[in-house]
Amino acid sequence: MKKMASALFFLITASVFAGHYDKEENMIENKLYNNFPVLEEGKNINIQELEVDIEKDGRIEVEIEFTRDSQIDKNNYKNYADKVAASLNEILKEMNNQNFVLTKIEIDTSGISRDKEIFRY
């Protein structure tokens, strides 16, 4: 009985702290995905996964994974990150929330080894 009560307590505690900004994360992901910036004209660039994570202190981390068949240039990852950052900052302005700050964008291509880049803001 004590084990079950203890497990229930930890489960409830974990659920309280998990998903503090779920609503905002989903809203930012949807807006960013629907209005994703044009990274390079005339190239087929597809997103496999887009994930936004907001920490308790308001720091935002974005992970973008492109599909393997995307026509991306690994040398342009910094340019891609800057365009995504500008788009994200516009979304944050629309939200009128002064507490959120972009701190990290991680870009990689699915299945291609050693192509992950992390940019800090």
PDB file of N, CA and C in Angstrom:
ATOM      1  N   MET A   1       0.804  -1.186   0.000  1.00  0.00           N
ATOM      2  CA  MET A   1       0.000   0.000   0.000  1.00  0.00           C
ATOM      3  C   MET A   1       0.857   1.263   0.000  1.00  0.00           C
ATOM      4  N   LYS A   2       1.939   1.241   0.801  1.00  0.00           N
ATOM      5  CA  LYS A   2       2.828   2.390   0.855  1.00  0.00           C
ATOM      6  C   LYS A   2       3.493   2.621  -0.499  1.00  0.00           C
ATOM      7  N   LYS A   3       3.879   1.525  -1.161  1.00  0.00           N
ATOM      8  CA  LYS A   3       4.521   1.645  -2.473  1.00  0.00           C
ATOM      9  C   LYS A   3       3.563   2.257  -3.487  1.00  0.00           C
ATOM     10  N   MET A   4       2.314   1.837  -3.438  1.00  0.00           N
ATOM     11  CA  MET A   4       1.334   2.356  -4.384  1.00  0.00           C
ATOM     12  C   MET A   4       1.053   3.839  -4.106  1.00  0.00           C
ATOM     13  N   ALA A   5       0.956   4.217  -2.852  1.00  0.00           N
ATOM     14  CA  ALA A   5       0.730   5.616  -2.490  1.00  0.00           C
ATOM     15  C   ALA A   5       1.932   6.463  -2.901  1.00  0.00           C
ATOM     16  N   SER A   6       3.114   5.932  -2.695  1.00  0.00           N
ATOM     17  CA  SER A   6       4.332   6.643  -3.079  1.00  0.00           C
ATOM     18  C   SER A   6       4.413   6.813  -4.596  1.00  0.00           C
ATOM     19  N   ALA A   7       4.101   5.767  -5.324  1.00  0.00           N
ATOM     20  CA  ALA A   7       4.120   5.833  -6.791  1.00  0.00           C
ATOM     21  C   ALA A   7       3.094   6.838  -7.292  1.00  0.00           C
ATOM     22  N   LEU A   8       1.918   6.851  -6.694  1.00  0.00           N
ATOM     23  CA  LEU A   8       0.875   7.795  -7.083  1.00  0.00           C
ATOM     24  C   LEU A   8       1.319   9.231  -6.812  1.00  0.00           C
ATOM     25  N   PHE A   9       1.962   9.455  -5.667  1.00  0.00           N
ATOM     26  CA  PHE A   9       2.473  10.785  -5.335  1.00  0.00           C
ATOM     27  C   PHE A   9       3.484  11.259  -6.375  1.00  0.00           C
ATOM     28  N   PHE A  10       4.431  10.390  -6.734  1.00  0.00           N
ATOM     29  CA  PHE A  10       5.451  10.773  -7.713  1.00  0.00           C
ATOM     30  C   PHE A  10       4.832  11.011  -9.092  1.00  0.00           C
ATOM     31  N   LEU A  11       3.839  10.234  -9.434  1.00  0.00           N
ATOM     32  CA  LEU A  11       3.159  10.415 -10.719  1.00  0.00           C
ATOM     33  C   LEU A  11       2.433  11.758 -10.769  1.00  0.00           C
ATOM     34  N   ILE A  12       1.743  12.099  -9.710  1.00  0.00           N
ATOM     35  CA  ILE A  12       1.034  13.384  -9.651  1.00  0.00           C
ATOM     36  C   ILE A  12       2.027  14.536  -9.654  1.00  0.00           C
ATOM     37  N   THR A  13       3.101  14.417  -8.906  1.00  0.00           N
ATOM     38  CA  THR A  13       4.129  15.456  -8.872  1.00  0.00           C
ATOM     39  C   THR A  13       4.742  15.659 -10.251  1.00  0.00           C
ATOM     40  N   ALA A  14       5.049  14.576 -10.941  1.00  0.00           N
ATOM     41  CA  ALA A  14       5.637  14.674 -12.280  1.00  0.00           C
ATOM     42  C   ALA A  14       4.676  15.320 -13.260  1.00  0.00           C
ATOM     43  N   SER A  15       3.398  15.005 -13.148  1.00  0.00           N
ATOM     44  CA  SER A  15       2.423  15.572 -14.075  1.00  0.00           C
ATOM     45  C   SER A  15       2.215  17.060 -13.836  1.00  0.00           C
ATOM     46  N   VAL A  16       2.409  17.517 -12.605  1.00  0.00           N
ATOM     47  CA  VAL A  16       2.269  18.942 -12.299  1.00  0.00           C
ATOM     48  C   VAL A  16       3.375  19.735 -12.992  1.00  0.00           C
ATOM     49  N   PHE A  17       4.608  19.201 -12.974  1.00  0.00           N
ATOM     50  CA  PHE A  17       5.729  19.927 -13.559  1.00  0.00           C
ATOM     51  C   PHE A  17       5.846  19.722 -15.058  1.00  0.00           C
ATOM     52  N   ALA A  18       5.352  18.636 -15.567  1.00  0.00           N
ATOM     53  CA  ALA A  18       5.443  18.361 -17.001  1.00  0.00           C
ATOM     54  C   ALA A  18       4.441  19.216 -17.747  1.00  0.00           C
ATOM     55  N   GLY A  19       4.845  19.698 -18.880  1.00  0.00           N
ATOM     56  CA  GLY A  19       3.920  20.406 -19.747  1.00  0.00           C
ATOM     57  C   GLY A  19       3.503  21.767 -19.236  1.00  0.00           C
ATOM     58  N   HIS A  20       4.399  22.470 -18.576  1.00  0.00           N
ATOM     59  CA  HIS A  20       4.086  23.785 -18.039  1.00  0.00           C
ATOM     60  C   HIS A  20       3.658  24.749 -19.145  1.00  0.00           C
ATOM     61  N   TYR A  21       4.268  24.634 -20.315  1.00  0.00           N
ATOM     62  CA  TYR A  21       3.963  25.520 -21.435  1.00  0.00           C
ATOM     63  C   TYR A  21       3.462  24.756 -22.659  1.00  0.00           C
ATOM     64  N   ASP A  22       2.750  23.647 -22.463  1.00  0.00           N
ATOM     65  CA  ASP A  22       2.288  22.839 -23.597  1.00  0.00           C
ATOM     66  C   ASP A  22       1.467  23.646 -24.600  1.00  0.00           C
ATOM     67  N   LYS A  23       0.561  24.458 -24.107  1.00  0.00           N
ATOM     68  CA  LYS A  23      -0.303  25.244 -24.993  1.00  0.00           C
ATOM     69  C   LYS A  23       0.530  26.184 -25.857  1.00  0.00           C
ATOM     70  N   GLU A  24       1.472  26.895 -25.240  1.00  0.00           N
ATOM     71  CA  GLU A  24       2.319  27.830 -25.972  1.00  0.00           C
ATOM     72  C   GLU A  24       3.230  27.103 -26.956  1.00  0.00           C
ATOM     73  N   GLU A  25       3.784  25.955 -26.529  1.00  0.00           N
ATOM     74  CA  GLU A  25       4.653  25.177 -27.418  1.00  0.00           C
ATOM     75  C   GLU A  25       3.898  24.756 -28.667  1.00  0.00           C
ATOM     76  N   ASN A  26       2.678  24.246 -28.495  1.00  0.00           N
ATOM     77  CA  ASN A  26       1.880  23.807 -29.638  1.00  0.00           C
ATOM     78  C   ASN A  26       1.531  24.972 -30.545  1.00  0.00           C
ATOM     79  N   MET A  27       1.184  26.105 -29.957  1.00  0.00           N
ATOM     80  CA  MET A  27       0.834  27.271 -30.754  1.00  0.00           C
ATOM     81  C   MET A  27       2.035  27.752 -31.579  1.00  0.00           C
ATOM     82  N   ILE A  28       3.207  27.812 -30.962  1.00  0.00           N
ATOM     83  CA  ILE A  28       4.408  28.252 -31.672  1.00  0.00           C
ATOM     84  C   ILE A  28       4.765  27.255 -32.767  1.00  0.00           C
ATOM     85  N   GLU A  29       4.718  25.956 -32.453  1.00  0.00           N
ATOM     86  CA  GLU A  29       5.013  24.931 -33.463  1.00  0.00           C
ATOM     87  C   GLU A  29       4.095  25.065 -34.666  1.00  0.00           C
ATOM     88  N   ASN A  30       2.793  25.206 -34.420  1.00  0.00           N
ATOM     89  CA  ASN A  30       1.830  25.319 -35.529  1.00  0.00           C
ATOM     90  C   ASN A  30       2.071  26.560 -36.368  1.00  0.00           C
ATOM     91  N   LYS A  31       2.273  27.696 -35.716  1.00  0.00           N
ATOM     92  CA  LYS A  31       2.515  28.929 -36.469  1.00  0.00           C
ATOM     93  C   LYS A  31       3.818  28.845 -37.252  1.00  0.00           C
ATOM     94  N   LEU A  32       4.843  28.300 -36.637  1.00  0.00           N
ATOM     95  CA  LEU A  32       6.133  28.190 -37.316  1.00  0.00           C
ATOM     96  C   LEU A  32       6.056  27.211 -38.481  1.00  0.00           C
ATOM     97  N   TYR A  33       5.374  26.099 -38.268  1.00  0.00           N
ATOM     98  CA  TYR A  33       5.240  25.103 -39.332  1.00  0.00           C
ATOM     99  C   TYR A  33       4.401  25.649 -40.492  1.00  0.00           C
ATOM    100  N   ASN A  34       3.295  26.322 -40.180  1.00  0.00           N
ATOM    101  CA  ASN A  34       2.418  26.849 -41.228  1.00  0.00           C
ATOM    102  C   ASN A  34       3.027  28.023 -41.982  1.00  0.00           C
ATOM    103  N   ASN A  35       3.897  28.775 -41.339  1.00  0.00           N
ATOM    104  CA  ASN A  35       4.528  29.932 -41.974  1.00  0.00           C
ATOM    105  C   ASN A  35       6.044  29.775 -41.994  1.00  0.00           C
ATOM    106  N   PHE A  36       6.480  28.555 -42.304  1.00  0.00           N
ATOM    107  CA  PHE A  36       7.917  28.290 -42.272  1.00  0.00           C
ATOM    108  C   PHE A  36       8.624  29.148 -43.314  1.00  0.00           C
ATOM    109  N   PRO A  37       9.715  29.798 -42.930  1.00  0.00           N
ATOM    110  CA  PRO A  37      10.388  30.702 -43.864  1.00  0.00           C
ATOM    111  C   PRO A  37      10.979  29.951 -45.058  1.00  0.00           C
ATOM    112  N   VAL A  38      11.035  30.631 -46.195  1.00  0.00           N
ATOM    113  CA  VAL A  38      11.666  30.058 -47.389  1.00  0.00           C
ATOM    114  C   VAL A  38      13.169  30.091 -47.153  1.00  0.00           C
ATOM    115  N   LEU A  39      13.775  28.921 -47.062  1.00  0.00           N
ATOM    116  CA  LEU A  39      15.200  28.868 -46.760  1.00  0.00           C
ATOM    117  C   LEU A  39      16.047  29.116 -47.997  1.00  0.00           C
ATOM    118  N   GLU A  40      15.656  28.512 -49.112  1.00  0.00           N
ATOM    119  CA  GLU A  40      16.362  28.728 -50.370  1.00  0.00           C
ATOM    120  C   GLU A  40      15.359  28.634 -51.502  1.00  0.00           C
ATOM    121  N   GLU A  41      15.359  29.644 -52.364  1.00  0.00           N
ATOM    122  CA  GLU A  41      14.441  29.671 -53.501  1.00  0.00           C
ATOM    123  C   GLU A  41      14.724  28.501 -54.440  1.00  0.00           C
ATOM    124  N   GLY A  42      13.666  27.862 -54.904  1.00  0.00           N
ATOM    125  CA  GLY A  42      13.786  26.825 -55.921  1.00  0.00           C
ATOM    126  C   GLY A  42      14.299  25.485 -55.443  1.00  0.00           C
ATOM    127  N   LYS A  43      14.489  25.314 -54.143  1.00  0.00           N
ATOM    128  CA  LYS A  43      14.972  24.033 -53.618  1.00  0.00           C
ATOM    129  C   LYS A  43      13.856  23.339 -52.861  1.00  0.00           C
ATOM    130  N   ASN A  44      13.838  22.022 -52.968  1.00  0.00           N
ATOM    131  CA  ASN A  44      12.859  21.203 -52.271  1.00  0.00           C
ATOM    132  C   ASN A  44      13.384  20.909 -50.868  1.00  0.00           C
ATOM    133  N   ILE A  45      12.853  21.628 -49.886  1.00  0.00           N
ATOM    134  CA  ILE A  45      13.276  21.444 -48.497  1.00  0.00           C
ATOM    135  C   ILE A  45      12.042  21.084 -47.684  1.00  0.00           C
ATOM    136  N   ASN A  46      12.039  19.868 -47.139  1.00  0.00           N
ATOM    137  CA  ASN A  46      10.886  19.363 -46.397  1.00  0.00           C
ATOM    138  C   ASN A  46      11.252  19.120 -44.940  1.00  0.00           C
ATOM    139  N   ILE A  47      10.319  19.432 -44.069  1.00  0.00           N
ATOM    140  CA  ILE A  47      10.531  19.237 -42.637  1.00  0.00           C
ATOM    141  C   ILE A  47       9.991  17.878 -42.239  1.00  0.00           C
ATOM    142  N   GLN A  48      10.815  17.090 -41.567  1.00  0.00           N
ATOM    143  CA  GLN A  48      10.361  15.816 -41.032  1.00  0.00           C
ATOM    144  C   GLN A  48       9.823  16.012 -39.618  1.00  0.00           C
ATOM    145  N   GLU A  49      10.530  16.829 -38.830  1.00  0.00           N
ATOM    146  CA  GLU A  49      10.108  17.046 -37.446  1.00  0.00           C
ATOM    147  C   GLU A  49      10.451  18.470 -37.037  1.00  0.00           C
ATOM    148  N   LEU A  50       9.526  19.087 -36.346  1.00  0.00           N
ATOM    149  CA  LEU A  50       9.716  20.420 -35.800  1.00  0.00           C
ATOM    150  C   LEU A  50       9.248  20.373 -34.354  1.00  0.00           C
ATOM    151  N   GLU A  51      10.147  20.657 -33.433  1.00  0.00           N
ATOM    152  CA  GLU A  51       9.800  20.566 -32.020  1.00  0.00           C
ATOM    153  C   GLU A  51      10.218  21.842 -31.305  1.00  0.00           C
ATOM    154  N   VAL A  52       9.299  22.394 -30.537  1.00  0.00           N
ATOM    155  CA  VAL A  52       9.558  23.578 -29.728  1.00  0.00           C
ATOM    156  C   VAL A  52       9.448  23.170 -28.269  1.00  0.00           C
ATOM    157  N   ASP A  53      10.468  23.536 -27.493  1.00  0.00           N
ATOM    158  CA  ASP A  53      10.473  23.221 -26.073  1.00  0.00           C
ATOM    159  C   ASP A  53      10.678  24.521 -25.303  1.00  0.00           C
ATOM    160  N   ILE A  54       9.773  24.805 -24.378  1.00  0.00           N
ATOM    161  CA  ILE A  54       9.888  26.001 -23.543  1.00  0.00           C
ATOM    162  C   ILE A  54      10.208  25.549 -22.127  1.00  0.00           C
ATOM    163  N   GLU A  55      11.340  25.996 -21.631  1.00  0.00           N
ATOM    164  CA  GLU A  55      11.761  25.661 -20.276  1.00  0.00           C
ATOM    165  C   GLU A  55      10.959  26.497 -19.275  1.00  0.00           C
ATOM    166  N   LYS A  56      11.017  26.137 -18.004  1.00  0.00           N
ATOM    167  CA  LYS A  56      10.263  26.843 -16.959  1.00  0.00           C
ATOM    168  C   LYS A  56      10.618  28.327 -16.899  1.00  0.00           C
ATOM    169  N   ASP A  57      11.879  28.660 -17.200  1.00  0.00           N
ATOM    170  CA  ASP A  57      12.309  30.055 -17.123  1.00  0.00           C
ATOM    171  C   ASP A  57      12.027  30.833 -18.411  1.00  0.00           C
ATOM    172  N   GLY A  58      11.314  30.202 -19.378  1.00  0.00           N
ATOM    173  CA  GLY A  58      10.925  30.898 -20.602  1.00  0.00           C
ATOM    174  C   GLY A  58      11.903  30.761 -21.757  1.00  0.00           C
ATOM    175  N   ARG A  59      12.994  30.022 -21.570  1.00  0.00           N
ATOM    176  CA  ARG A  59      13.940  29.816 -22.660  1.00  0.00           C
ATOM    177  C   ARG A  59      13.340  28.857 -23.674  1.00  0.00           C
ATOM    178  N   ILE A  60      13.437  29.231 -24.949  1.00  0.00           N
ATOM    179  CA  ILE A  60      12.864  28.420 -26.019  1.00  0.00           C
ATOM    180  C   ILE A  60      13.978  27.734 -26.791  1.00  0.00           C
ATOM    181  N   GLU A  61      13.810  26.433 -26.989  1.00  0.00           N
ATOM    182  CA  GLU A  61      14.724  25.637 -27.803  1.00  0.00           C
ATOM    183  C   GLU A  61      13.919  25.019 -28.939  1.00  0.00           C
ATOM    184  N   VAL A  62      14.450  25.123 -30.156  1.00  0.00           N
ATOM    185  CA  VAL A  62      13.768  24.612 -31.341  1.00  0.00           C
ATOM    186  C   VAL A  62      14.656  23.557 -31.994  1.00  0.00           C
ATOM    187  N   GLU A  63      14.055  22.434 -32.333  1.00  0.00           N
ATOM    188  CA  GLU A  63      14.753  21.385 -33.075  1.00  0.00           C
ATOM    189  C   GLU A  63      14.041  21.194 -34.407  1.00  0.00           C
ATOM    190  N   ILE A  64      14.824  21.254 -35.487  1.00  0.00           N
ATOM    191  CA  ILE A  64      14.276  21.078 -36.826  1.00  0.00           C
ATOM    192  C   ILE A  64      15.035  19.939 -37.492  1.00  0.00           C
ATOM    193  N   GLU A  65      14.263  18.977 -37.998  1.00  0.00           N
ATOM    194  CA  GLU A  65      14.869  17.869 -38.730  1.00  0.00           C
ATOM    195  C   GLU A  65      14.275  17.857 -40.135  1.00  0.00           C
ATOM    196  N   PHE A  66      15.156  17.969 -41.115  1.00  0.00           N
ATOM    197  CA  PHE A  66      14.726  17.931 -42.505  1.00  0.00           C
ATOM    198  C   PHE A  66      14.712  16.493 -42.999  1.00  0.00           C
ATOM    199  N   THR A  67      13.856  16.221 -43.991  1.00  0.00           N
ATOM    200  CA  THR A  67      13.826  14.875 -44.565  1.00  0.00           C
ATOM    201  C   THR A  67      15.130  14.613 -45.310  1.00  0.00           C
ATOM    202  N   ARG A  68      15.431  13.363 -45.459  1.00  0.00           N
ATOM    203  CA  ARG A  68      16.688  12.967 -46.087  1.00  0.00           C
ATOM    204  C   ARG A  68      16.780  13.446 -47.535  1.00  0.00           C
ATOM    205  N   ASP A  69      15.652  13.533 -48.238  1.00  0.00           N
ATOM    206  CA  ASP A  69      15.687  13.921 -49.643  1.00  0.00           C
ATOM    207  C   ASP A  69      15.620  15.436 -49.854  1.00  0.00           C
ATOM    208  N   SER A  70      15.662  16.207 -48.772  1.00  0.00           N
ATOM    209  CA  SER A  70      15.640  17.665 -48.902  1.00  0.00           C
ATOM    210  C   SER A  70      16.924  18.149 -49.579  1.00  0.00           C
ATOM    211  N   GLN A  71      16.763  19.171 -50.382  1.00  0.00           N
ATOM    212  CA  GLN A  71      17.903  19.751 -51.100  1.00  0.00           C
ATOM    213  C   GLN A  71      18.509  20.869 -50.260  1.00  0.00           C
ATOM    214  N   ILE A  72      19.130  20.471 -49.178  1.00  0.00           N
ATOM    215  CA  ILE A  72      19.714  21.469 -48.290  1.00  0.00           C
ATOM    216  C   ILE A  72      21.216  21.524 -48.469  1.00  0.00           C
ATOM    217  N   ASP A  73      21.771  22.653 -48.099  1.00  0.00           N
ATOM    218  CA  ASP A  73      23.213  22.851 -48.153  1.00  0.00           C
ATOM    219  C   ASP A  73      23.698  22.974 -46.717  1.00  0.00           C
ATOM    220  N   LYS A  74      24.493  22.015 -46.280  1.00  0.00           N
ATOM    221  CA  LYS A  74      24.957  22.008 -44.899  1.00  0.00           C
ATOM    222  C   LYS A  74      25.718  23.285 -44.568  1.00  0.00           C
ATOM    223  N   ASN A  75      26.335  23.895 -45.551  1.00  0.00           N
ATOM    224  CA  ASN A  75      27.069  25.132 -45.318  1.00  0.00           C
ATOM    225  C   ASN A  75      26.149  26.320 -45.042  1.00  0.00           C
ATOM    226  N   ASN A  76      24.856  26.184 -45.318  1.00  0.00           N
ATOM    227  CA  ASN A  76      23.888  27.253 -45.092  1.00  0.00           C
ATOM    228  C   ASN A  76      23.085  27.077 -43.810  1.00  0.00           C
ATOM    229  N   TYR A  77      23.443  26.137 -42.960  1.00  0.00           N
ATOM    230  CA  TYR A  77      22.678  25.901 -41.735  1.00  0.00           C
ATOM    231  C   TYR A  77      22.563  27.172 -40.896  1.00  0.00           C
ATOM    232  N   LYS A  78      23.620  27.971 -40.795  1.00  0.00           N
ATOM    233  CA  LYS A  78      23.576  29.210 -40.011  1.00  0.00           C
ATOM    234  C   LYS A  78      22.541  30.166 -40.615  1.00  0.00           C
ATOM    235  N   ASN A  79      22.525  30.272 -41.934  1.00  0.00           N
ATOM    236  CA  ASN A  79      21.545  31.115 -42.616  1.00  0.00           C
ATOM    237  C   ASN A  79      20.124  30.603 -42.356  1.00  0.00           C
ATOM    238  N   TYR A  80      19.938  29.278 -42.419  1.00  0.00           N
ATOM    239  CA  TYR A  80      18.630  28.679 -42.140  1.00  0.00           C
ATOM    240  C   TYR A  80      18.195  29.019 -40.714  1.00  0.00           C
ATOM    241  N   ALA A  81      19.115  28.835 -39.757  1.00  0.00           N
ATOM    242  CA  ALA A  81      18.801  29.096 -38.348  1.00  0.00           C
ATOM    243  C   ALA A  81      18.416  30.561 -38.138  1.00  0.00           C
ATOM    244  N   ASP A  82      19.118  31.467 -38.792  1.00  0.00           N
ATOM    245  CA  ASP A  82      18.801  32.890 -38.645  1.00  0.00           C
ATOM    246  C   ASP A  82      17.414  33.215 -39.200  1.00  0.00           C
ATOM    247  N   LYS A  83      17.035  32.589 -40.312  1.00  0.00           N
ATOM    248  CA  LYS A  83      15.702  32.821 -40.882  1.00  0.00           C
ATOM    249  C   LYS A  83      14.614  32.266 -39.967  1.00  0.00           C
ATOM    250  N   VAL A  84      14.859  31.089 -39.403  1.00  0.00           N
ATOM    251  CA  VAL A  84      13.889  30.497 -38.467  1.00  0.00           C
ATOM    252  C   VAL A  84      13.802  31.365 -37.215  1.00  0.00           C
ATOM    253  N   ALA A  85      14.947  31.861 -36.730  1.00  0.00           N
ATOM    254  CA  ALA A  85      14.952  32.719 -35.539  1.00  0.00           C
ATOM    255  C   ALA A  85      14.151  33.996 -35.786  1.00  0.00           C
ATOM    256  N   ALA A  86      14.320  34.600 -36.948  1.00  0.00           N
ATOM    257  CA  ALA A  86      13.568  35.817 -37.270  1.00  0.00           C
ATOM    258  C   ALA A  86      12.070  35.532 -37.304  1.00  0.00           C
ATOM    259  N   SER A  87      11.699  34.407 -37.903  1.00  0.00           N
ATOM    260  CA  SER A  87      10.286  34.022 -37.967  1.00  0.00           C
ATOM    261  C   SER A  87       9.737  33.756 -36.568  1.00  0.00           C
ATOM    262  N   LEU A  88      10.501  33.069 -35.749  1.00  0.00           N
ATOM    263  CA  LEU A  88      10.076  32.772 -34.380  1.00  0.00           C
ATOM    264  C   LEU A  88       9.936  34.046 -33.558  1.00  0.00           C
ATOM    265  N   ASN A  89      10.855  34.972 -33.737  1.00  0.00           N
ATOM    266  CA  ASN A  89      10.772  36.231 -32.990  1.00  0.00           C
ATOM    267  C   ASN A  89       9.527  37.029 -33.381  1.00  0.00           C
ATOM    268  N   GLU A  90       9.118  36.948 -34.641  1.00  0.00           N
ATOM    269  CA  GLU A  90       7.862  37.589 -35.061  1.00  0.00           C
ATOM    270  C   GLU A  90       6.660  36.944 -34.367  1.00  0.00           C
ATOM    271  N   ILE A  91       6.681  35.621 -34.263  1.00  0.00           N
ATOM    272  CA  ILE A  91       5.597  34.906 -33.572  1.00  0.00           C
ATOM    273  C   ILE A  91       5.543  35.335 -32.109  1.00  0.00           C
ATOM    274  N   LEU A  92       6.709  35.452 -31.472  1.00  0.00           N
ATOM    275  CA  LEU A  92       6.753  35.858 -30.063  1.00  0.00           C
ATOM    276  C   LEU A  92       6.241  37.286 -29.884  1.00  0.00           C
ATOM    277  N   LYS A  93       6.531  38.165 -30.845  1.00  0.00           N
ATOM    278  CA  LYS A  93       6.001  39.533 -30.778  1.00  0.00           C
ATOM    279  C   LYS A  93       4.479  39.521 -30.825  1.00  0.00           C
ATOM    280  N   GLU A  94       3.922  38.685 -31.724  1.00  0.00           N
ATOM    281  CA  GLU A  94       2.467  38.580 -31.848  1.00  0.00           C
ATOM    282  C   GLU A  94       1.830  38.074 -30.552  1.00  0.00           C
ATOM    283  N   MET A  95       2.550  37.225 -29.842  1.00  0.00           N
ATOM    284  CA  MET A  95       2.027  36.656 -28.598  1.00  0.00           C
ATOM    285  C   MET A  95       2.077  37.649 -27.439  1.00  0.00           C
ATOM    286  N   ASN A  96       2.829  38.728 -27.603  1.00  0.00           N
ATOM    287  CA  ASN A  96       2.979  39.746 -26.550  1.00  0.00           C
ATOM    288  C   ASN A  96       3.437  39.145 -25.224  1.00  0.00           C
ATOM    289  N   ASN A  97       4.326  38.179 -25.288  1.00  0.00           N
ATOM    290  CA  ASN A  97       4.828  37.554 -24.068  1.00  0.00           C
ATOM    291  C   ASN A  97       6.303  37.916 -23.916  1.00  0.00           C
ATOM    292  N   GLN A  98       6.609  38.727 -22.944  1.00  0.00           N
ATOM    293  CA  GLN A  98       7.980  39.192 -22.716  1.00  0.00           C
ATOM    294  C   GLN A  98       8.839  38.138 -22.019  1.00  0.00           C
ATOM    295  N   ASN A  99       8.232  37.065 -21.541  1.00  0.00           N
ATOM    296  CA  ASN A  99       8.962  36.071 -20.762  1.00  0.00           C
ATOM    297  C   ASN A  99       9.709  35.049 -21.615  1.00  0.00           C
ATOM    298  N   PHE A 100       9.330  34.905 -22.886  1.00  0.00           N
ATOM    299  CA  PHE A 100       9.945  33.888 -23.732  1.00  0.00           C
ATOM    300  C   PHE A 100      11.115  34.465 -24.511  1.00  0.00           C
ATOM    301  N   VAL A 101      12.232  33.708 -24.531  1.00  0.00           N
ATOM    302  CA  VAL A 101      13.437  34.130 -25.241  1.00  0.00           C
ATOM    303  C   VAL A 101      14.022  32.920 -25.967  1.00  0.00           C
ATOM    304  N   LEU A 102      14.289  33.094 -27.253  1.00  0.00           N
ATOM    305  CA  LEU A 102      14.923  32.028 -28.032  1.00  0.00           C
ATOM    306  C   LEU A 102      16.369  31.878 -27.600  1.00  0.00           C
ATOM    307  N   THR A 103      16.761  30.658 -27.248  1.00  0.00           N
ATOM    308  CA  THR A 103      18.143  30.425 -26.832  1.00  0.00           C
ATOM    309  C   THR A 103      18.879  29.427 -27.716  1.00  0.00           C
ATOM    310  N   LYS A 104      18.128  28.537 -28.403  1.00  0.00           N
ATOM    311  CA  LYS A 104      18.826  27.489 -29.154  1.00  0.00           C
ATOM    312  C   LYS A 104      17.984  27.015 -30.332  1.00  0.00           C
ATOM    313  N   ILE A 105      18.659  26.835 -31.475  1.00  0.00           N
ATOM    314  CA  ILE A 105      18.055  26.171 -32.630  1.00  0.00           C
ATOM    315  C   ILE A 105      19.000  25.048 -33.036  1.00  0.00           C
ATOM    316  N   GLU A 106      18.438  23.858 -33.142  1.00  0.00           N
ATOM    317  CA  GLU A 106      19.204  22.686 -33.560  1.00  0.00           C
ATOM    318  C   GLU A 106      18.663  22.234 -34.913  1.00  0.00           C
ATOM    319  N   ILE A 107      19.556  22.090 -35.882  1.00  0.00           N
ATOM    320  CA  ILE A 107      19.160  21.695 -37.232  1.00  0.00           C
ATOM    321  C   ILE A 107      19.903  20.431 -37.617  1.00  0.00           C
ATOM    322  N   ASP A 108      19.180  19.484 -38.185  1.00  0.00           N
ATOM    323  CA  ASP A 108      19.835  18.320 -38.766  1.00  0.00           C
ATOM    324  C   ASP A 108      18.966  17.693 -39.838  1.00  0.00           C
ATOM    325  N   THR A 109      19.572  16.791 -40.573  1.00  0.00           N
ATOM    326  CA  THR A 109      18.877  16.087 -41.639  1.00  0.00           C
ATOM    327  C   THR A 109      18.769  14.628 -41.256  1.00  0.00           C
ATOM    328  N   SER A 110      17.586  14.073 -41.365  1.00  0.00           N
ATOM    329  CA  SER A 110      17.310  12.704 -40.961  1.00  0.00           C
ATOM    330  C   SER A 110      18.231  11.707 -41.656  1.00  0.00           C
ATOM    331  N   GLY A 111      18.926  10.945 -40.859  1.00  0.00           N
ATOM    332  CA  GLY A 111      19.688   9.829 -41.397  1.00  0.00           C
ATOM    333  C   GLY A 111      21.053  10.162 -41.957  1.00  0.00           C
ATOM    334  N   ILE A 112      21.433  11.410 -42.019  1.00  0.00           N
ATOM    335  CA  ILE A 112      22.759  11.762 -42.524  1.00  0.00           C
ATOM    336  C   ILE A 112      23.647  11.998 -41.313  1.00  0.00           C
ATOM    337  N   SER A 113      24.723  11.243 -41.233  1.00  0.00           N
ATOM    338  CA  SER A 113      25.547  11.314 -40.035  1.00  0.00           C
ATOM    339  C   SER A 113      26.380  12.593 -39.990  1.00  0.00           C
ATOM    340  N   ARG A 114      26.632  13.036 -38.788  1.00  0.00           N
ATOM    341  CA  ARG A 114      27.476  14.195 -38.502  1.00  0.00           C
ATOM    342  C   ARG A 114      27.041  15.452 -39.250  1.00  0.00           C
ATOM    343  N   ASP A 115      25.766  15.677 -39.311  1.00  0.00           N
ATOM    344  CA  ASP A 115      25.294  16.898 -39.971  1.00  0.00           C
ATOM    345  C   ASP A 115      24.542  17.813 -39.022  1.00  0.00           C
ATOM    346  N   LYS A 116      24.501  17.475 -37.752  1.00  0.00           N
ATOM    347  CA  LYS A 116      23.744  18.264 -36.783  1.00  0.00           C
ATOM    348  C   LYS A 116      24.529  19.516 -36.414  1.00  0.00           C
ATOM    349  N   GLU A 117      23.807  20.649 -36.392  1.00  0.00           N
ATOM    350  CA  GLU A 117      24.392  21.919 -35.994  1.00  0.00           C
ATOM    351  C   GLU A 117      23.508  22.533 -34.915  1.00  0.00           C
ATOM    352  N   ILE A 118      24.132  23.140 -33.932  1.00  0.00           N
ATOM    353  CA  ILE A 118      23.404  23.818 -32.861  1.00  0.00           C
ATOM    354  C   ILE A 118      23.825  25.279 -32.863  1.00  0.00           C
ATOM    355  N   PHE A 119      22.819  26.159 -32.836  1.00  0.00           N
ATOM    356  CA  PHE A 119      23.069  27.598 -32.838  1.00  0.00           C
ATOM    357  C   PHE A 119      22.441  28.183 -31.589  1.00  0.00           C
ATOM    358  N   ARG A 120      23.231  28.981 -30.877  1.00  0.00           N
ATOM    359  CA  ARG A 120      22.770  29.604 -29.635  1.00  0.00           C
ATOM    360  C   ARG A 120      22.467  31.083 -29.877  1.00  0.00           C
ATOM    361  N   TYR A 121      21.397  31.533 -29.283  1.00  0.00           N
ATOM    362  CA  TYR A 121      20.979  32.934 -29.433  1.00  0.00           C
ATOM    363  C   TYR A 121      20.885  33.610 -28.090  1.00  0.00           C
TER     364      TYR A 121
END
